[in-house]
Structures are given as structure tokens and as C-alpha cells.
């Protein structure tokens, strides 16, 4: 509603909207499961039905896009200049998601639910996770876990400033913060090594809250990749921060609307 009001104030036409969700989204826009939001079977399009033009369609295509936020972030990275290759985009906030790009196309899986890397176990006997499993990557490298390890548990930092605060502490050489980031990077490296061995990827992109923390997370990630990836000795893997950093999911969401219009412009032009 705020975005609509801002657009109206600037004399802009709202072309559509996109919602990025940290969870499993089916092809109807229903969020089947988002553990970190405690959402299960949430019919997002129905809940937003009172906000026109989100319920309008253009040649049968709905104006509202609902997608996994890590997929949207990966798409933004792809279209921002990552090229038509293959890469794993990690989106790290409270939860951890992954967008998988293979040969220039987002890989969604059979049901569109690929990329739940945050729930791959680092240690099967580790602490319980919100998903119902134990020892998941999120329990070691999610934002809450890193803040707790850095001595900032309960600091009530907004999600968009937590990484900035951690980066400030690490830049200042604060040992607890640096150790927390090193341990998180190690857990990430263990997990992505398995993905690289499985899919033969050559690039890992650190996005979301990981982007500003890349100087401290990247070295242990690379160390684990060099230790665990079978081909690392003669086929090095690149680990780098996302081009768009923490804004990638939002940019990818906007881009998903724009690309729909470009793909089917006649219906959109008829509305103008």
C-alpha cells in the first residue's frame, strides 16, 4: 500500500508487484512453508486481493508475483552481469536460501522448491532447527546464530543493520566477532562443497547479509572448498560478494515484473 501511494505521488503507473518470501512457494503463489516466519499454507494472493491492481491480469498473467527470495536474488545477480554461466547464490539473513543458476537459467527443481540449503545438516546431531531437523546450516551460519556467537544475542538489531554492525566489529578487529564469522564461514564452506561436488559449479556468490561480511566469511569458505571439493586442485572455485549485495532480492523482484511485461507487451500497452 505504501509503494502504491509513493507511485501515485510521483505520477507513476504501477505495473505489478512481487513478494519475495523465505520459504517454499508453489505455482499459485501459496507459501507452503516458511519456517522462520512460522507460515504454513499461507494463500498470499488471496490475502492481498483487496489491493488492486494486484488482482488484475494481463493476458492471463497475474500482476502479483510471489517467489522465493533467494531465487529472486539469484535472478538479479544473473541479469546484473554475472553472465550466462552457472553459480550458487547464497542469500543469508535469519534464514539461508540458495538460488541455483545452471547455464544461464534459474534451476527451480521439479516442484519449484529447490535451494533450501539452510536446512542441509552441517552436524546431524546438532541443535534443533525451526524446520524440525537438527544441526542445519541455519543453526551455525544464520544471522541469529552469528549474532549470538559474536556476543550480540538480544541486541535487537534490525535485519538490515545486523550485518553492518558485525562488519564494523570485524573491521575493528574485535576477536569474538571475527571468530563468529570464521565459524559461520566454515559451516557455509562445508555445505557448499557438497553442492559443488554434486552440480559441478565454479562460482559461489555471497548475497544478502553475507555480502558486507564477505571479507571475513570468504576465507574459511574457500578453505573448506579446497579441502572438500574433489576438483578444487585443478579447477578453482570463485567465491565473491553479490554484485547488488543486500538489495538483490528486491531488485530481482522488480525485474521479474519487468520481464513479464517485456515478454508479453501487448496486454500491458493496452492498459496505458
C-alpha atoms as a PDB file:
ATOM      1  CA  UNK A   1       0.000   0.000   0.000  1.00  0.00           C
ATOM      2  CA  UNK A   2       2.892   2.361   0.788  1.00  0.00           C
ATOM      3  CA  UNK A   3       4.564   1.568  -2.532  1.00  0.00           C
ATOM      4  CA  UNK A   4       1.301   2.328  -4.354  1.00  0.00           C
ATOM      5  CA  UNK A   5       0.955   5.650  -2.545  1.00  0.00           C
ATOM      6  CA  UNK A   6       4.543   6.595  -3.375  1.00  0.00           C
ATOM      7  CA  UNK A   7       3.992   5.712  -7.053  1.00  0.00           C
ATOM      8  CA  UNK A   8       0.796   7.760  -7.200  1.00  0.00           C
ATOM      9  CA  UNK A   9       2.543  10.752  -5.627  1.00  0.00           C
ATOM     10  CA  UNK A  10       5.193  10.616  -8.366  1.00  0.00           C
ATOM     11  CA  UNK A  11       2.648  10.175 -11.150  1.00  0.00           C
ATOM     12  CA  UNK A  12       3.885   6.655 -11.889  1.00  0.00           C
ATOM     13  CA  UNK A  13       1.849   3.696 -13.091  1.00  0.00           C
ATOM     14  CA  UNK A  14       2.097   0.551 -11.008  1.00  0.00           C
ATOM     15  CA  UNK A  15       2.956  -2.213 -13.445  1.00  0.00           C
ATOM     16  CA  UNK A  16       2.751  -5.035 -10.949  1.00  0.00           C
ATOM     17  CA  UNK A  17       4.196  -6.228  -7.679  1.00  0.00           C
ATOM     18  CA  UNK A  18       6.378  -9.035  -6.419  1.00  0.00           C
ATOM     19  CA  UNK A  19       6.742 -10.522  -2.973  1.00  0.00           C
ATOM     20  CA  UNK A  20       9.900 -12.415  -2.046  1.00  0.00           C
ATOM     21  CA  UNK A  21       9.354 -14.994   0.684  1.00  0.00           C
ATOM     22  CA  UNK A  22      11.987 -17.026   2.586  1.00  0.00           C
ATOM     23  CA  UNK A  23      10.218 -20.334   2.066  1.00  0.00           C
ATOM     24  CA  UNK A  24       8.564 -22.781  -0.303  1.00  0.00           C
ATOM     25  CA  UNK A  25       6.204 -21.136  -2.806  1.00  0.00           C
ATOM     26  CA  UNK A  26       4.028 -23.179  -5.181  1.00  0.00           C
ATOM     27  CA  UNK A  27       2.998 -22.113  -8.686  1.00  0.00           C
ATOM     28  CA  UNK A  28      -0.223 -20.499  -7.395  1.00  0.00           C
ATOM     29  CA  UNK A  29       1.665 -18.140  -5.083  1.00  0.00           C
ATOM     30  CA  UNK A  30       0.722 -20.062  -1.941  1.00  0.00           C
ATOM     31  CA  UNK A  31       3.529 -20.224   0.619  1.00  0.00           C
ATOM     32  CA  UNK A  32       3.614 -23.864   1.595  1.00  0.00           C
ATOM     33  CA  UNK A  33       6.231 -23.489   4.326  1.00  0.00           C
ATOM     34  CA  UNK A  34       8.379 -20.636   5.647  1.00  0.00           C
ATOM     35  CA  UNK A  35       9.850 -21.896   8.954  1.00  0.00           C
ATOM     36  CA  UNK A  36      11.399 -18.593  10.015  1.00  0.00           C
ATOM     37  CA  UNK A  37       8.071 -16.804   9.584  1.00  0.00           C
ATOM     38  CA  UNK A  38       6.041 -19.660  11.120  1.00  0.00           C
ATOM     39  CA  UNK A  39       3.991 -19.671   7.896  1.00  0.00           C
ATOM     40  CA  UNK A  40       2.383 -22.836   6.587  1.00  0.00           C
ATOM     41  CA  UNK A  41      -0.027 -22.930   3.638  1.00  0.00           C
ATOM     42  CA  UNK A  42      -0.483 -19.152   3.516  1.00  0.00           C
ATOM     43  CA  UNK A  43      -2.542 -18.075   0.434  1.00  0.00           C
ATOM     44  CA  UNK A  44      -0.685 -14.838  -0.267  1.00  0.00           C
ATOM     45  CA  UNK A  45      -2.616 -13.832  -3.437  1.00  0.00           C
ATOM     46  CA  UNK A  46      -5.917 -14.196  -1.595  1.00  0.00           C
ATOM     47  CA  UNK A  47      -4.678 -12.134   1.348  1.00  0.00           C
ATOM     48  CA  UNK A  48      -3.633  -9.334  -0.992  1.00  0.00           C
ATOM     49  CA  UNK A  49      -6.817  -9.483  -3.068  1.00  0.00           C
ATOM     50  CA  UNK A  50      -8.042  -6.221  -1.542  1.00  0.00           C
ATOM     51  CA  UNK A  51      -5.097  -4.311  -3.036  1.00  0.00           C
ATOM     52  CA  UNK A  52      -5.855  -3.646  -6.712  1.00  0.00           C
ATOM     53  CA  UNK A  53      -4.216  -3.757  -9.205  1.00  0.00           C
ATOM     54  CA  UNK A  54      -2.541  -6.789  -7.640  1.00  0.00           C
ATOM     55  CA  UNK A  55      -5.550  -8.913  -8.590  1.00  0.00           C
ATOM     56  CA  UNK A  56      -5.607  -7.753 -12.203  1.00  0.00           C
ATOM     57  CA  UNK A  57      -4.279  -9.897 -15.010  1.00  0.00           C
ATOM     58  CA  UNK A  58      -2.685  -9.001 -18.321  1.00  0.00           C
ATOM     59  CA  UNK A  59      -3.436 -11.634 -20.942  1.00  0.00           C
ATOM     60  CA  UNK A  60      -3.994 -14.111 -18.148  1.00  0.00           C
ATOM     61  CA  UNK A  61      -0.773 -13.261 -16.323  1.00  0.00           C
ATOM     62  CA  UNK A  62      -1.388 -12.044 -12.745  1.00  0.00           C
ATOM     63  CA  UNK A  63       0.065  -8.697 -11.719  1.00  0.00           C
ATOM     64  CA  UNK A  64       1.340 -10.176  -8.461  1.00  0.00           C
ATOM     65  CA  UNK A  65       4.445 -12.372  -8.469  1.00  0.00           C
ATOM     66  CA  UNK A  66       5.209 -14.470  -5.369  1.00  0.00           C
ATOM     67  CA  UNK A  67       8.549 -16.259  -5.359  1.00  0.00           C
ATOM     68  CA  UNK A  68      11.298 -17.489  -3.105  1.00  0.00           C
ATOM     69  CA  UNK A  69      13.532 -14.563  -2.142  1.00  0.00           C
ATOM     70  CA  UNK A  70      16.761 -16.467  -2.835  1.00  0.00           C
ATOM     71  CA  UNK A  71      15.561 -17.258  -6.360  1.00  0.00           C
ATOM     72  CA  UNK A  72      14.772 -13.582  -6.939  1.00  0.00           C
ATOM     73  CA  UNK A  73      18.215 -12.607  -5.651  1.00  0.00           C
ATOM     74  CA  UNK A  74      19.891 -15.119  -7.962  1.00  0.00           C
ATOM     75  CA  UNK A  75      17.923 -13.759 -10.929  1.00  0.00           C
ATOM     76  CA  UNK A  76      19.037 -10.234 -10.114  1.00  0.00           C
ATOM     77  CA  UNK A  77      22.656 -11.402  -9.989  1.00  0.00           C
ATOM     78  CA  UNK A  78      22.224 -13.169 -13.316  1.00  0.00           C
ATOM     79  CA  UNK A  79      20.804 -10.090 -15.018  1.00  0.00           C
ATOM     80  CA  UNK A  80      23.235  -7.692 -13.310  1.00  0.00           C
ATOM     81  CA  UNK A  81      26.193  -9.071 -15.188  1.00  0.00           C
ATOM     82  CA  UNK A  82      27.063 -12.458 -13.715  1.00  0.00           C
ATOM     83  CA  UNK A  83      26.873 -13.785 -17.266  1.00  0.00           C
ATOM     84  CA  UNK A  84      25.163 -16.857 -18.708  1.00  0.00           C
ATOM     85  CA  UNK A  85      27.230 -19.299 -16.680  1.00  0.00           C
ATOM     86  CA  UNK A  86      26.440 -21.350 -13.598  1.00  0.00           C
ATOM     87  CA  UNK A  87      26.659 -20.253  -9.975  1.00  0.00           C
ATOM     88  CA  UNK A  88      25.257 -20.751  -6.492  1.00  0.00           C
ATOM     89  CA  UNK A  89      23.830 -17.602  -4.911  1.00  0.00           C
ATOM     90  CA  UNK A  90      23.599 -17.721  -1.115  1.00  0.00           C
ATOM     91  CA  UNK A  91      21.107 -15.357   0.481  1.00  0.00           C
ATOM     92  CA  UNK A  92      21.857 -15.044   4.180  1.00  0.00           C
ATOM     93  CA  UNK A  93      19.622 -13.324   6.718  1.00  0.00           C
ATOM     94  CA  UNK A  94      17.731 -15.011   9.569  1.00  0.00           C
ATOM     95  CA  UNK A  95      17.332 -17.942   7.216  1.00  0.00           C
ATOM     96  CA  UNK A  96      19.659 -19.110   4.451  1.00  0.00           C
ATOM     97  CA  UNK A  97      18.412 -19.728   0.935  1.00  0.00           C
ATOM     98  CA  UNK A  98      20.166 -20.555  -2.303  1.00  0.00           C
ATOM     99  CA  UNK A  99      19.403 -19.693  -5.883  1.00  0.00           C
ATOM    100  CA  UNK A 100      20.920 -22.163  -8.335  1.00  0.00           C
ATOM    101  CA  UNK A 101      21.728 -20.907 -11.827  1.00  0.00           C
ATOM    102  CA  UNK A 102      22.747 -23.513 -14.406  1.00  0.00           C
ATOM    103  CA  UNK A 103      23.861 -22.455 -17.888  1.00  0.00           C
ATOM    104  CA  UNK A 104      22.255 -19.045 -17.526  1.00  0.00           C
ATOM    105  CA  UNK A 105      18.872 -20.267 -16.264  1.00  0.00           C
ATOM    106  CA  UNK A 106      17.456 -20.485 -12.760  1.00  0.00           C
ATOM    107  CA  UNK A 107      17.071 -24.106 -11.668  1.00  0.00           C
ATOM    108  CA  UNK A 108      13.833 -24.473  -9.721  1.00  0.00           C
ATOM    109  CA  UNK A 109      13.519 -28.239  -9.413  1.00  0.00           C
ATOM    110  CA  UNK A 110      10.509 -30.426 -10.198  1.00  0.00           C
ATOM    111  CA  UNK A 111       8.073 -28.502  -7.957  1.00  0.00           C
ATOM    112  CA  UNK A 112       9.889 -25.173  -7.854  1.00  0.00           C
ATOM    113  CA  UNK A 113      11.247 -25.754  -4.357  1.00  0.00           C
ATOM    114  CA  UNK A 114      14.977 -26.069  -4.951  1.00  0.00           C
ATOM    115  CA  UNK A 115      17.556 -24.124  -2.986  1.00  0.00           C
ATOM    116  CA  UNK A 116      16.712 -24.838   0.666  1.00  0.00           C
ATOM    117  CA  UNK A 117      20.393 -25.013   1.518  1.00  0.00           C
ATOM    118  CA  UNK A 118      19.817 -23.608   5.000  1.00  0.00           C
ATOM    119  CA  UNK A 119      18.268 -26.910   6.014  1.00  0.00           C
ATOM    120  CA  UNK A 120      21.112 -29.139   4.898  1.00  0.00           C
ATOM    121  CA  UNK A 121      22.624 -30.526   8.108  1.00  0.00           C
ATOM    122  CA  UNK A 122      26.164 -29.500   8.958  1.00  0.00           C
ATOM    123  CA  UNK A 123      26.103 -31.787  12.000  1.00  0.00           C
ATOM    124  CA  UNK A 124      23.173 -34.238  12.133  1.00  0.00           C
ATOM    125  CA  UNK A 125      23.351 -34.350  15.950  1.00  0.00           C
ATOM    126  CA  UNK A 126      23.439 -30.557  16.279  1.00  0.00           C
ATOM    127  CA  UNK A 127      20.880 -28.189  17.824  1.00  0.00           C
ATOM    128  CA  UNK A 128      17.204 -28.345  16.777  1.00  0.00           C
ATOM    129  CA  UNK A 129      16.121 -26.203  13.845  1.00  0.00           C
ATOM    130  CA  UNK A 130      12.764 -24.498  13.195  1.00  0.00           C
ATOM    131  CA  UNK A 131      12.262 -26.850  10.249  1.00  0.00           C
ATOM    132  CA  UNK A 132      12.109 -29.864  12.566  1.00  0.00           C
ATOM    133  CA  UNK A 133      15.573 -31.168  11.763  1.00  0.00           C
ATOM    134  CA  UNK A 134      18.815 -30.859  13.724  1.00  0.00           C
ATOM    135  CA  UNK A 135      22.169 -29.278  13.023  1.00  0.00           C
ATOM    136  CA  UNK A 136      21.019 -27.380   9.916  1.00  0.00           C
ATOM    137  CA  UNK A 137      23.289 -24.783   8.314  1.00  0.00           C
ATOM    138  CA  UNK A 138      20.998 -22.008   9.616  1.00  0.00           C
ATOM    139  CA  UNK A 139      21.850 -23.024  13.178  1.00  0.00           C
ATOM    140  CA  UNK A 140      25.509 -22.246  12.512  1.00  0.00           C
ATOM    141  CA  UNK A 141      25.519 -19.528   9.854  1.00  0.00           C
ATOM    142  CA  UNK A 142      22.118 -17.842  10.056  1.00  0.00           C
ATOM    143  CA  UNK A 143      22.055 -14.251  11.237  1.00  0.00           C
ATOM    144  CA  UNK A 144      20.764 -15.141  14.708  1.00  0.00           C
ATOM    145  CA  UNK A 145      23.488 -17.757  15.163  1.00  0.00           C
ATOM    146  CA  UNK A 146      26.262 -15.384  14.109  1.00  0.00           C
ATOM    147  CA  UNK A 147      24.991 -12.584  16.350  1.00  0.00           C
ATOM    148  CA  UNK A 148      24.793 -14.951  19.315  1.00  0.00           C
ATOM    149  CA  UNK A 149      28.318 -16.248  18.693  1.00  0.00           C
ATOM    150  CA  UNK A 150      29.551 -12.666  18.402  1.00  0.00           C
ATOM    151  CA  UNK A 151      28.081 -11.790  21.795  1.00  0.00           C
ATOM    152  CA  UNK A 152      25.233  -9.739  20.302  1.00  0.00           C
ATOM    153  CA  UNK A 153      22.336 -12.044  21.180  1.00  0.00           C
ATOM    154  CA  UNK A 154      19.363  -9.965  22.269  1.00  0.00           C
ATOM    155  CA  UNK A 155      20.838  -6.780  20.825  1.00  0.00           C
ATOM    156  CA  UNK A 156      17.583  -6.242  18.918  1.00  0.00           C
ATOM    157  CA  UNK A 157      19.351  -5.148  15.754  1.00  0.00           C
ATOM    158  CA  UNK A 158      17.135  -4.702  12.674  1.00  0.00           C
ATOM    159  CA  UNK A 159      17.830  -7.297   9.993  1.00  0.00           C
ATOM    160  CA  UNK A 160      19.182  -4.679   7.610  1.00  0.00           C
ATOM    161  CA  UNK A 161      21.717  -3.322  10.114  1.00  0.00           C
ATOM    162  CA  UNK A 162      22.895  -6.514  11.820  1.00  0.00           C
ATOM    163  CA  UNK A 163      25.419  -7.312   9.081  1.00  0.00           C
ATOM    164  CA  UNK A 164      26.664  -3.728   9.101  1.00  0.00           C
ATOM    165  CA  UNK A 165      27.252  -3.919  12.849  1.00  0.00           C
ATOM    166  CA  UNK A 166      29.085  -7.227  12.521  1.00  0.00           C
ATOM    167  CA  UNK A 167      31.234  -5.807   9.733  1.00  0.00           C
ATOM    168  CA  UNK A 168      32.119  -2.798  11.893  1.00  0.00           C
ATOM    169  CA  UNK A 169      33.213  -5.035  14.753  1.00  0.00           C
ATOM    170  CA  UNK A 170      35.216  -7.309  12.462  1.00  0.00           C
ATOM    171  CA  UNK A 171      36.857  -4.310  10.771  1.00  0.00           C
ATOM    172  CA  UNK A 172      37.874  -3.052  14.197  1.00  0.00           C
ATOM    173  CA  UNK A 173      39.488  -6.412  14.932  1.00  0.00           C
ATOM    174  CA  UNK A 174      37.036  -7.467  17.648  1.00  0.00           C
ATOM    175  CA  UNK A 175      38.060 -11.113  18.259  1.00  0.00           C
ATOM    176  CA  UNK A 176      34.654 -12.533  19.215  1.00  0.00           C
ATOM    177  CA  UNK A 177      33.009 -11.134  16.087  1.00  0.00           C
ATOM    178  CA  UNK A 178      35.826 -12.374  13.877  1.00  0.00           C
ATOM    179  CA  UNK A 179      35.670 -15.844  15.414  1.00  0.00           C
ATOM    180  CA  UNK A 180      31.888 -15.949  14.904  1.00  0.00           C
ATOM    181  CA  UNK A 181      32.265 -15.045  11.244  1.00  0.00           C
ATOM    182  CA  UNK A 182      35.041 -17.592  10.767  1.00  0.00           C
ATOM    183  CA  UNK A 183      32.891 -20.353  12.251  1.00  0.00           C
ATOM    184  CA  UNK A 184      29.938 -19.317  10.087  1.00  0.00           C
ATOM    185  CA  UNK A 185      32.154 -19.349   7.009  1.00  0.00           C
ATOM    186  CA  UNK A 186      33.404 -22.816   7.891  1.00  0.00           C
ATOM    187  CA  UNK A 187      29.839 -24.128   8.145  1.00  0.00           C
ATOM    188  CA  UNK A 188      28.946 -22.499   4.827  1.00  0.00           C
ATOM    189  CA  UNK A 189      32.050 -23.963   3.206  1.00  0.00           C
ATOM    190  CA  UNK A 190      31.211 -27.479   4.402  1.00  0.00           C
ATOM    191  CA  UNK A 191      27.719 -27.187   2.934  1.00  0.00           C
ATOM    192  CA  UNK A 192      28.508 -25.555  -0.394  1.00  0.00           C
ATOM    193  CA  UNK A 193      31.313 -28.061  -1.001  1.00  0.00           C
ATOM    194  CA  UNK A 194      28.704 -30.808  -1.225  1.00  0.00           C
ATOM    195  CA  UNK A 195      26.629 -28.725  -3.640  1.00  0.00           C
ATOM    196  CA  UNK A 196      29.679 -28.041  -5.814  1.00  0.00           C
ATOM    197  CA  UNK A 197      30.625 -31.731  -5.854  1.00  0.00           C
ATOM    198  CA  UNK A 198      27.062 -32.569  -6.900  1.00  0.00           C
ATOM    199  CA  UNK A 199      26.455 -29.866  -9.541  1.00  0.00           C
ATOM    200  CA  UNK A 200      29.980 -29.008 -10.741  1.00  0.00           C
ATOM    201  CA  UNK A 201      29.642 -25.260 -10.145  1.00  0.00           C
ATOM    202  CA  UNK A 202      32.585 -22.881 -10.408  1.00  0.00           C
ATOM    203  CA  UNK A 203      31.218 -19.815  -8.587  1.00  0.00           C
ATOM    204  CA  UNK A 204      29.651 -19.135  -5.196  1.00  0.00           C
ATOM    205  CA  UNK A 205      28.061 -15.714  -4.677  1.00  0.00           C
ATOM    206  CA  UNK A 206      27.665 -14.407  -1.124  1.00  0.00           C
ATOM    207  CA  UNK A 207      24.472 -12.342  -1.123  1.00  0.00           C
ATOM    208  CA  UNK A 208      22.004 -10.811   1.307  1.00  0.00           C
ATOM    209  CA  UNK A 209      23.536 -10.209   4.715  1.00  0.00           C
ATOM    210  CA  UNK A 210      26.639 -12.150   3.709  1.00  0.00           C
ATOM    211  CA  UNK A 211      27.717  -9.579   1.103  1.00  0.00           C
ATOM    212  CA  UNK A 212      29.103  -6.974   3.564  1.00  0.00           C
ATOM    213  CA  UNK A 213      30.647  -9.785   5.620  1.00  0.00           C
ATOM    214  CA  UNK A 214      32.436 -11.385   2.678  1.00  0.00           C
ATOM    215  CA  UNK A 215      35.970 -10.244   3.691  1.00  0.00           C
ATOM    216  CA  UNK A 216      35.718 -12.425   6.824  1.00  0.00           C
ATOM    217  CA  UNK A 217      33.419 -15.228   5.622  1.00  0.00           C
ATOM    218  CA  UNK A 218      35.117 -15.843   2.284  1.00  0.00           C
ATOM    219  CA  UNK A 219      38.489 -17.201   3.550  1.00  0.00           C
ATOM    220  CA  UNK A 220      37.048 -20.097   5.611  1.00  0.00           C
ATOM    221  CA  UNK A 221      34.565 -20.872   2.810  1.00  0.00           C
ATOM    222  CA  UNK A 222      37.448 -21.167   0.365  1.00  0.00           C
ATOM    223  CA  UNK A 223      39.449 -23.256   2.828  1.00  0.00           C
ATOM    224  CA  UNK A 224      36.652 -25.809   3.132  1.00  0.00           C
ATOM    225  CA  UNK A 225      36.107 -25.865  -0.632  1.00  0.00           C
ATOM    226  CA  UNK A 226      39.802 -26.530  -1.217  1.00  0.00           C
ATOM    227  CA  UNK A 227      39.677 -29.288   1.378  1.00  0.00           C
ATOM    228  CA  UNK A 228      36.459 -30.993   0.295  1.00  0.00           C
ATOM    229  CA  UNK A 229      35.762 -30.351  -3.417  1.00  0.00           C
ATOM    230  CA  UNK A 230      37.291 -33.152  -5.462  1.00  0.00           C
ATOM    231  CA  UNK A 231      38.226 -30.967  -8.435  1.00  0.00           C
ATOM    232  CA  UNK A 232      39.465 -27.940  -6.477  1.00  0.00           C
ATOM    233  CA  UNK A 233      43.156 -28.669  -7.148  1.00  0.00           C
ATOM    234  CA  UNK A 234      42.870 -28.106 -10.916  1.00  0.00           C
ATOM    235  CA  UNK A 235      39.537 -26.276 -11.201  1.00  0.00           C
ATOM    236  CA  UNK A 236      39.403 -23.485  -8.588  1.00  0.00           C
ATOM    237  CA  UNK A 237      36.070 -22.184  -7.354  1.00  0.00           C
ATOM    238  CA  UNK A 238      35.427 -18.446  -7.207  1.00  0.00           C
ATOM    239  CA  UNK A 239      33.769 -17.099  -4.039  1.00  0.00           C
ATOM    240  CA  UNK A 240      32.709 -13.449  -4.227  1.00  0.00           C
ATOM    241  CA  UNK A 241      30.172 -10.992  -2.789  1.00  0.00           C
ATOM    242  CA  UNK A 242      26.973 -10.342  -4.728  1.00  0.00           C
ATOM    243  CA  UNK A 243      27.037  -7.501  -7.217  1.00  0.00           C
ATOM    244  CA  UNK A 244      23.872  -5.977  -5.715  1.00  0.00           C
ATOM    245  CA  UNK A 245      24.517  -7.001  -2.120  1.00  0.00           C
ATOM    246  CA  UNK A 246      21.581  -6.899   0.260  1.00  0.00           C
ATOM    247  CA  UNK A 247      19.297  -5.272  -2.337  1.00  0.00           C
ATOM    248  CA  UNK A 248      19.472  -8.232  -4.727  1.00  0.00           C
ATOM    249  CA  UNK A 249      16.133  -9.836  -3.795  1.00  0.00           C
ATOM    250  CA  UNK A 250      14.247  -6.541  -4.134  1.00  0.00           C
ATOM    251  CA  UNK A 251      15.879  -5.799  -7.493  1.00  0.00           C
ATOM    252  CA  UNK A 252      15.165  -9.347  -8.649  1.00  0.00           C
ATOM    253  CA  UNK A 253      11.529  -8.978  -7.592  1.00  0.00           C
ATOM    254  CA  UNK A 254      11.141  -5.777  -9.608  1.00  0.00           C
ATOM    255  CA  UNK A 255      12.932  -7.346 -12.543  1.00  0.00           C
ATOM    256  CA  UNK A 256      10.540 -10.308 -12.557  1.00  0.00           C
ATOM    257  CA  UNK A 257       7.657  -7.886 -13.164  1.00  0.00           C
ATOM    258  CA  UNK A 258       9.519  -6.004 -15.891  1.00  0.00           C
ATOM    259  CA  UNK A 259      10.498  -9.206 -17.711  1.00  0.00           C
ATOM    260  CA  UNK A 260       6.861 -10.329 -17.765  1.00  0.00           C
ATOM    261  CA  UNK A 261       5.905  -7.101 -19.492  1.00  0.00           C
ATOM    262  CA  UNK A 262       8.751  -7.378 -21.994  1.00  0.00           C
ATOM    263  CA  UNK A 263       7.752 -10.965 -22.783  1.00  0.00           C
ATOM    264  CA  UNK A 264       4.084 -10.003 -23.393  1.00  0.00           C
ATOM    265  CA  UNK A 265       3.951  -6.255 -24.083  1.00  0.00           C
ATOM    266  CA  UNK A 266       0.661  -6.057 -25.998  1.00  0.00           C
ATOM    267  CA  UNK A 267      -1.578  -6.524 -22.964  1.00  0.00           C
ATOM    268  CA  UNK A 268       0.398  -4.001 -20.947  1.00  0.00           C
ATOM    269  CA  UNK A 269       0.290  -1.366 -23.689  1.00  0.00           C
ATOM    270  CA  UNK A 270      -3.472  -1.800 -23.941  1.00  0.00           C
ATOM    271  CA  UNK A 271      -3.795  -0.665 -20.313  1.00  0.00           C
ATOM    272  CA  UNK A 272      -1.966   2.625 -20.841  1.00  0.00           C
END
